């Protein structure tokens, strides 16, 4: 544990911004096979959130299974939902008035 010099910090930032130039493999990047241009890239901060939102909106628009699960607020990646994950949901049981 130590402090970084300004040179080291700048070098790290440039590597993060252009990982392909520094021979970082494609599987390490956070945007693999972009749906529109088919390229591998590393997206930073706010760009990542907006890309994720665009992807989810596209899935909802084409009514894909994954998009519908996101829309309904259910598990997306094949987990079982019969018994687990009940805390976030509200179950409304009302008594009959006499």
C-alpha atoms as a PDB file:
ATOM      1  CA  UNK A   1       0.000   0.000   0.000  1.00  0.00           C
ATOM      2  CA  UNK A   2       1.370   3.334  -1.018  1.00  0.00           C
ATOM      3  CA  UNK A   3       0.715   6.483  -2.927  1.00  0.00           C
ATOM      4  CA  UNK A   4       0.925   6.837  -6.685  1.00  0.00           C
ATOM      5  CA  UNK A   5       2.870   9.544  -8.433  1.00  0.00           C
ATOM      6  CA  UNK A   6       1.146  11.738 -10.996  1.00  0.00           C
ATOM      7  CA  UNK A   7       2.884   9.895 -13.844  1.00  0.00           C
ATOM      8  CA  UNK A   8       1.649   6.515 -12.630  1.00  0.00           C
ATOM      9  CA  UNK A   9      -1.860   7.866 -12.155  1.00  0.00           C
ATOM     10  CA  UNK A  10      -1.944   9.337 -15.675  1.00  0.00           C
ATOM     11  CA  UNK A  11      -0.634   6.082 -17.121  1.00  0.00           C
ATOM     12  CA  UNK A  12      -3.352   4.080 -15.348  1.00  0.00           C
ATOM     13  CA  UNK A  13      -6.023   6.468 -16.630  1.00  0.00           C
ATOM     14  CA  UNK A  14      -4.772   6.179 -20.229  1.00  0.00           C
ATOM     15  CA  UNK A  15      -4.681   2.372 -19.980  1.00  0.00           C
ATOM     16  CA  UNK A  16      -8.253   2.318 -18.685  1.00  0.00           C
ATOM     17  CA  UNK A  17      -9.421   4.651 -21.461  1.00  0.00           C
ATOM     18  CA  UNK A  18      -7.652   2.726 -24.277  1.00  0.00           C
ATOM     19  CA  UNK A  19      -7.285  -0.869 -23.085  1.00  0.00           C
ATOM     20  CA  UNK A  20      -7.057  -2.429 -26.560  1.00  0.00           C
ATOM     21  CA  UNK A  21      -3.905  -0.436 -27.380  1.00  0.00           C
ATOM     22  CA  UNK A  22      -2.226  -1.924 -24.307  1.00  0.00           C
ATOM     23  CA  UNK A  23      -3.060  -5.515 -25.367  1.00  0.00           C
ATOM     24  CA  UNK A  24      -5.733  -6.104 -22.749  1.00  0.00           C
ATOM     25  CA  UNK A  25      -7.845  -9.064 -23.990  1.00  0.00           C
ATOM     26  CA  UNK A  26     -11.421  -8.637 -25.224  1.00  0.00           C
ATOM     27  CA  UNK A  27     -12.883 -10.791 -22.468  1.00  0.00           C
ATOM     28  CA  UNK A  28     -11.639  -8.236 -19.932  1.00  0.00           C
ATOM     29  CA  UNK A  29     -13.654  -5.329 -21.399  1.00  0.00           C
ATOM     30  CA  UNK A  30     -17.036  -4.323 -20.016  1.00  0.00           C
ATOM     31  CA  UNK A  31     -18.796  -3.853 -23.380  1.00  0.00           C
ATOM     32  CA  UNK A  32     -18.417  -7.002 -25.453  1.00  0.00           C
ATOM     33  CA  UNK A  33     -19.883  -7.320 -28.947  1.00  0.00           C
ATOM     34  CA  UNK A  34     -21.912  -4.111 -28.972  1.00  0.00           C
ATOM     35  CA  UNK A  35     -25.308  -4.788 -30.538  1.00  0.00           C
ATOM     36  CA  UNK A  36     -25.029  -1.916 -33.030  1.00  0.00           C
ATOM     37  CA  UNK A  37     -21.420  -1.949 -34.247  1.00  0.00           C
ATOM     38  CA  UNK A  38     -20.206  -5.355 -33.013  1.00  0.00           C
ATOM     39  CA  UNK A  39     -17.082  -3.908 -31.393  1.00  0.00           C
ATOM     40  CA  UNK A  40     -15.484  -4.598 -28.036  1.00  0.00           C
ATOM     41  CA  UNK A  41     -14.893  -1.509 -25.902  1.00  0.00           C
ATOM     42  CA  UNK A  42     -14.375  -0.233 -22.377  1.00  0.00           C
ATOM     43  CA  UNK A  43     -17.039   2.237 -21.271  1.00  0.00           C
ATOM     44  CA  UNK A  44     -16.468   4.526 -18.303  1.00  0.00           C
ATOM     45  CA  UNK A  45     -18.761   5.792 -15.511  1.00  0.00           C
ATOM     46  CA  UNK A  46     -21.915   7.533 -16.799  1.00  0.00           C
ATOM     47  CA  UNK A  47     -21.568   6.003 -20.238  1.00  0.00           C
ATOM     48  CA  UNK A  48     -21.891   2.533 -18.740  1.00  0.00           C
ATOM     49  CA  UNK A  49     -25.144   3.407 -16.961  1.00  0.00           C
ATOM     50  CA  UNK A  50     -26.649   4.932 -20.099  1.00  0.00           C
ATOM     51  CA  UNK A  51     -25.620   1.935 -22.254  1.00  0.00           C
ATOM     52  CA  UNK A  52     -27.158  -0.467 -19.735  1.00  0.00           C
ATOM     53  CA  UNK A  53     -30.373   1.580 -19.699  1.00  0.00           C
ATOM     54  CA  UNK A  54     -30.455   1.596 -23.523  1.00  0.00           C
ATOM     55  CA  UNK A  55     -29.981  -2.178 -23.604  1.00  0.00           C
ATOM     56  CA  UNK A  56     -32.811  -2.763 -21.145  1.00  0.00           C
ATOM     57  CA  UNK A  57     -35.114  -0.385 -23.034  1.00  0.00           C
ATOM     58  CA  UNK A  58     -34.314  -2.217 -26.282  1.00  0.00           C
ATOM     59  CA  UNK A  59     -35.077  -5.585 -24.661  1.00  0.00           C
ATOM     60  CA  UNK A  60     -38.378  -4.244 -23.311  1.00  0.00           C
ATOM     61  CA  UNK A  61     -39.274  -2.708 -26.673  1.00  0.00           C
ATOM     62  CA  UNK A  62     -38.764  -5.943 -28.615  1.00  0.00           C
ATOM     63  CA  UNK A  63     -40.546  -7.789 -25.785  1.00  0.00           C
ATOM     64  CA  UNK A  64     -37.727 -10.252 -25.231  1.00  0.00           C
ATOM     65  CA  UNK A  65     -38.015 -12.619 -22.275  1.00  0.00           C
ATOM     66  CA  UNK A  66     -35.192 -10.855 -20.425  1.00  0.00           C
ATOM     67  CA  UNK A  67     -36.770  -7.454 -21.023  1.00  0.00           C
ATOM     68  CA  UNK A  68     -40.130  -8.600 -19.725  1.00  0.00           C
ATOM     69  CA  UNK A  69     -38.531 -10.050 -16.581  1.00  0.00           C
ATOM     70  CA  UNK A  70     -36.823  -6.697 -15.981  1.00  0.00           C
ATOM     71  CA  UNK A  71     -40.129  -4.903 -16.547  1.00  0.00           C
ATOM     72  CA  UNK A  72     -41.952  -7.156 -14.081  1.00  0.00           C
ATOM     73  CA  UNK A  73     -39.185  -6.858 -11.487  1.00  0.00           C
ATOM     74  CA  UNK A  74     -38.502 -10.603 -11.440  1.00  0.00           C
ATOM     75  CA  UNK A  75     -35.229 -12.534 -11.506  1.00  0.00           C
ATOM     76  CA  UNK A  76     -33.685 -12.471 -14.956  1.00  0.00           C
ATOM     77  CA  UNK A  77     -30.879 -15.022 -14.919  1.00  0.00           C
ATOM     78  CA  UNK A  78     -32.777 -18.249 -14.405  1.00  0.00           C
ATOM     79  CA  UNK A  79     -32.954 -18.347 -10.625  1.00  0.00           C
ATOM     80  CA  UNK A  80     -35.843 -20.116  -8.935  1.00  0.00           C
ATOM     81  CA  UNK A  81     -38.470 -17.740  -7.581  1.00  0.00           C
ATOM     82  CA  UNK A  82     -40.944 -20.038  -5.847  1.00  0.00           C
ATOM     83  CA  UNK A  83     -39.515 -19.703  -2.350  1.00  0.00           C
ATOM     84  CA  UNK A  84     -36.650 -17.195  -2.433  1.00  0.00           C
ATOM     85  CA  UNK A  85     -36.600 -13.451  -2.947  1.00  0.00           C
ATOM     86  CA  UNK A  86     -39.865 -12.666  -1.220  1.00  0.00           C
ATOM     87  CA  UNK A  87     -38.718  -9.733   0.902  1.00  0.00           C
ATOM     88  CA  UNK A  88     -38.951  -6.987  -1.705  1.00  0.00           C
ATOM     89  CA  UNK A  89     -42.480  -7.813  -2.772  1.00  0.00           C
ATOM     90  CA  UNK A  90     -45.562  -6.584  -0.953  1.00  0.00           C
ATOM     91  CA  UNK A  91     -48.374  -9.054  -0.532  1.00  0.00           C
ATOM     92  CA  UNK A  92     -51.717  -7.396  -0.037  1.00  0.00           C
ATOM     93  CA  UNK A  93     -54.102  -9.539   1.974  1.00  0.00           C
ATOM     94  CA  UNK A  94     -57.199  -7.698   3.073  1.00  0.00           C
ATOM     95  CA  UNK A  95     -59.798  -8.780   5.611  1.00  0.00           C
ATOM     96  CA  UNK A  96     -63.450  -8.866   4.707  1.00  0.00           C
ATOM     97  CA  UNK A  97     -65.585  -6.270   6.429  1.00  0.00           C
ATOM     98  CA  UNK A  98     -68.648  -7.646   8.167  1.00  0.00           C
END
